Amino acid sequence: MDLASNLSLTEFQTDDRKDASLLAVVAVCCVLSMLGSLLIILSYVFITEIRTTSRAILVHLSIADFGVACANFIGATVYFHGYLKLNNCETLPANNMCAVINGFCIAQAFFAGYFTLASVLWTLGLAVYIYTLVATVYSTIPIHVARFLFIFCWGMPLLIAVWLLQTDRLGYSPNGGAGWCSLKL
């Protein structure tokens, strides 16, 4: 019996080391993604010759990707599962530490969902813009289409994220995800 418990403990420690190395890889990838997005944004800001509509769309996509990388970095480096289990947040929800951790978890889930959806919509916007250039007679998209694209790609994710927040669908779910905060299952 003692050998079986030692085996399971060894397996658990091995899984923890695998999880730690996987989280380290995720954290490094997030930092590299943040740096790449930051380089695109700063080059657009400081090099005026490259300011075109397509690059403006790319900058908005980079801002969204920067937000995704930040949210994923927080999700990879903050061990929500351990904090919530350590403080017995499932059985003692009135605990102050649980409220702080849960609030931070909900904020991380909100920003992860918002920026991920914004990134997808800005990618769609870039595809529509390229389609407009290649397949139609327009050399650029009209200003009202660009304004609609801006409102749609930043506004729609905000509406969805606020709705998820108001309906209490964001936070930690021990049954789903990779151990970090997103949609509650």
Protein backbone atom coordinates (compact mmCIF):
# COMPACT_ATOMS: atom_id res chain seq x y z
CA MET A 1 0.00 0.00 0.00
CA ASP A 2 2.86 2.36 0.83
CA LEU A 3 4.47 1.60 -2.55
CA ALA A 4 1.22 2.47 -4.35
CA SER A 5 0.96 5.82 -2.56
CA ASN A 6 4.61 6.56 -3.40
CA LEU A 7 3.96 5.73 -7.05
CA SER A 8 0.97 8.04 -7.25
CA LEU A 9 2.92 10.79 -5.49
CA THR A 10 5.77 10.37 -7.99
CA GLU A 11 3.33 10.49 -10.88
CA PHE A 12 1.74 13.62 -9.43
CA GLN A 13 5.14 15.30 -9.05
CA THR A 14 6.05 14.38 -12.63
CA ASP A 15 2.76 15.84 -13.85
CA ASP A 16 3.46 19.02 -11.85
CA ARG A 17 6.88 19.32 -13.49
CA LYS A 18 5.31 18.81 -16.92
CA ASP A 19 2.69 21.44 -16.10
CA ALA A 20 5.35 23.84 -14.84
CA SER A 21 7.44 23.44 -17.98
CA LEU A 22 4.37 23.82 -20.18
CA LEU A 23 3.37 26.98 -18.32
CA ALA A 24 6.93 28.29 -18.70
CA VAL A 25 6.75 27.72 -22.46
CA VAL A 26 3.36 29.48 -22.57
CA ALA A 27 4.75 32.41 -20.57
CA VAL A 28 7.78 32.75 -22.89
CA CYS A 29 5.52 32.62 -25.97
CA CYS A 30 3.27 35.28 -24.43
CA VAL A 31 6.24 37.57 -23.78
CA LEU A 32 7.49 37.09 -27.36
CA SER A 33 4.00 37.82 -28.68
CA MET A 34 3.81 40.99 -26.57
CA LEU A 35 7.20 42.13 -27.90
CA GLY A 36 6.19 41.46 -31.51
CA SER A 37 2.92 43.32 -31.12
CA LEU A 38 4.69 46.19 -29.41
CA LEU A 39 7.20 46.45 -32.27
CA ILE A 40 4.39 46.68 -34.83
CA ILE A 41 2.57 49.34 -32.80
CA LEU A 42 5.70 51.41 -32.17
CA SER A 43 6.83 51.23 -35.81
CA TYR A 44 3.42 52.54 -36.89
CA VAL A 45 3.58 55.36 -34.34
CA PHE A 46 7.15 56.49 -35.09
CA ILE A 47 7.48 55.84 -38.85
CA THR A 48 4.97 58.13 -40.54
CA GLU A 49 5.71 56.85 -44.06
CA ILE A 50 4.09 53.48 -43.35
CA ARG A 51 0.76 54.82 -42.12
CA THR A 52 -1.72 53.28 -44.51
CA THR A 53 -5.19 51.85 -43.97
CA SER A 54 -3.94 48.27 -44.09
CA ARG A 55 -1.25 49.03 -41.53
CA ALA A 56 -3.79 50.82 -39.33
CA ILE A 57 -5.89 47.64 -39.37
CA LEU A 58 -2.73 45.65 -38.59
CA VAL A 59 -2.00 47.97 -35.63
CA HIS A 60 -5.49 47.41 -34.23
CA LEU A 61 -4.97 43.65 -34.69
CA SER A 62 -1.63 43.98 -32.87
CA ILE A 63 -3.26 45.86 -29.99
CA ALA A 64 -5.81 43.06 -29.66
CA ASP A 65 -3.06 40.42 -29.87
CA PHE A 66 -1.06 42.28 -27.21
CA GLY A 67 -4.12 42.09 -24.95
CA VAL A 68 -4.52 38.37 -25.66
CA ALA A 69 -0.87 37.76 -24.82
CA CYS A 70 -1.15 39.76 -21.56
CA ALA A 71 -4.29 37.90 -20.49
CA ASN A 72 -2.74 34.53 -21.34
CA PHE A 73 0.46 35.49 -19.52
CA ILE A 74 -1.55 36.26 -16.39
CA GLY A 75 -3.48 33.03 -16.81
CA ALA A 76 -0.24 31.06 -17.16
CA THR A 77 1.65 32.68 -14.29
CA VAL A 78 -1.09 33.05 -11.67
CA TYR A 79 -2.09 29.67 -10.28
CA PHE A 80 -5.81 30.34 -9.76
CA HIS A 81 -6.61 26.69 -9.16
CA GLY A 82 -4.11 26.44 -6.30
CA TYR A 83 -5.16 29.72 -4.72
CA LEU A 84 -8.84 28.87 -4.82
CA LYS A 85 -8.26 25.35 -3.42
CA LEU A 86 -5.77 26.57 -0.79
CA ASN A 87 -8.22 29.14 0.58
CA ASN A 88 -11.23 26.75 0.45
CA CYS A 89 -13.11 29.18 -1.75
CA GLU A 90 -15.63 26.54 -2.75
CA THR A 91 -16.74 26.02 0.85
CA LEU A 92 -16.05 29.49 2.30
CA PRO A 93 -17.04 32.01 -0.40
CA ALA A 94 -17.27 34.87 2.14
CA ASN A 95 -13.50 34.79 2.75
CA ASN A 96 -11.85 38.15 1.79
CA MET A 97 -8.93 36.44 0.05
CA CYS A 98 -11.38 34.40 -2.00
CA ALA A 99 -13.17 37.57 -3.09
CA VAL A 100 -9.90 39.16 -4.22
CA ILE A 101 -8.73 36.06 -6.09
CA ASN A 102 -12.15 35.54 -7.64
CA GLY A 103 -12.31 39.19 -8.74
CA PHE A 104 -8.87 38.94 -10.30
CA CYS A 105 -9.93 35.70 -11.99
CA ILE A 106 -13.06 37.33 -13.43
CA ALA A 107 -11.02 40.32 -14.68
CA GLN A 108 -8.53 38.00 -16.38
CA ALA A 109 -11.39 36.06 -17.99
CA PHE A 110 -13.06 39.30 -19.14
CA PHE A 111 -9.94 40.66 -20.82
CA ALA A 112 -8.97 37.28 -22.30
CA GLY A 113 -12.41 36.88 -23.87
CA TYR A 114 -12.61 40.50 -25.03
CA PHE A 115 -9.19 40.66 -26.67
CA THR A 116 -9.46 37.19 -28.20
CA LEU A 117 -12.75 38.04 -29.89
CA ALA A 118 -11.41 41.46 -30.94
CA SER A 119 -8.35 39.77 -32.46
CA VAL A 120 -10.54 37.40 -34.47
CA LEU A 121 -12.73 40.27 -35.70
CA TRP A 122 -9.71 42.42 -36.65
CA THR A 123 -8.33 39.45 -38.60
CA LEU A 124 -11.68 39.28 -40.38
CA GLY A 125 -11.50 43.04 -41.00
CA LEU A 126 -8.04 42.69 -42.53
CA ALA A 127 -9.32 39.88 -44.76
CA VAL A 128 -12.27 42.04 -45.89
CA TYR A 129 -9.89 44.91 -46.61
CA ILE A 130 -7.56 42.70 -48.67
CA TYR A 131 -10.57 41.25 -50.52
CA THR A 132 -11.74 44.79 -51.27
CA LEU A 133 -8.33 45.66 -52.71
CA VAL A 134 -7.94 42.53 -54.79
CA ALA A 135 -11.42 41.59 -55.96
CA THR A 136 -13.14 44.96 -56.43
CA VAL A 137 -12.45 48.17 -58.29
CA TYR A 138 -11.86 50.15 -55.10
CA SER A 139 -8.24 51.00 -54.33
CA THR A 140 -9.13 51.62 -50.70
CA ILE A 141 -12.15 51.14 -48.50
CA PRO A 142 -14.43 54.15 -48.03
CA ILE A 143 -14.14 56.04 -44.74
CA HIS A 144 -17.61 54.99 -43.56
CA VAL A 145 -16.64 51.32 -44.01
CA ALA A 146 -13.44 51.91 -42.02
CA ARG A 147 -15.45 53.55 -39.22
CA PHE A 148 -17.91 50.67 -39.20
CA LEU A 149 -15.01 48.24 -39.04
CA PHE A 150 -13.53 50.09 -36.06
CA ILE A 151 -16.85 50.20 -34.18
CA PHE A 152 -17.67 46.57 -35.01
CA CYS A 153 -14.26 45.06 -34.19
CA TRP A 154 -13.91 46.84 -30.83
CA GLY A 155 -17.60 47.24 -29.94
CA MET A 156 -18.96 43.75 -30.57
CA PRO A 157 -16.41 42.01 -28.29
CA LEU A 158 -17.09 44.63 -25.62
CA LEU A 159 -20.83 43.97 -25.78
CA ILE A 160 -20.31 40.22 -25.55
CA ALA A 161 -17.75 40.48 -22.72
CA VAL A 162 -19.98 42.84 -20.72
CA TRP A 163 -22.95 40.52 -21.26
CA LEU A 164 -20.91 37.54 -20.03
CA LEU A 165 -19.81 39.57 -17.02
CA GLN A 166 -23.35 40.71 -16.18
CA THR A 167 -24.78 37.21 -16.46
CA ASP A 168 -22.05 35.79 -14.16
CA ARG A 169 -20.59 33.49 -16.80
CA LEU A 170 -16.93 34.50 -16.30
CA GLY A 171 -14.61 33.09 -13.67
CA TYR A 172 -12.92 29.93 -12.57
CA SER A 173 -14.33 26.59 -13.60
CA PRO A 174 -12.51 23.58 -12.13
CA ASN A 175 -14.19 21.29 -14.68
CA GLY A 176 -13.03 23.03 -17.84
CA GLY A 177 -10.16 24.91 -19.36
CA ALA A 178 -6.49 24.62 -18.58
CA GLY A 179 -6.79 25.57 -14.92
CA TRP A 180 -7.19 29.25 -15.57
CA CYS A 181 -10.14 31.54 -15.75
CA SER A 182 -12.53 31.83 -18.68
CA LEU A 183 -16.17 30.86 -19.16
CA LYS A 184 -17.76 29.03 -16.27
CA LEU A 185 -19.00 25.60 -17.27
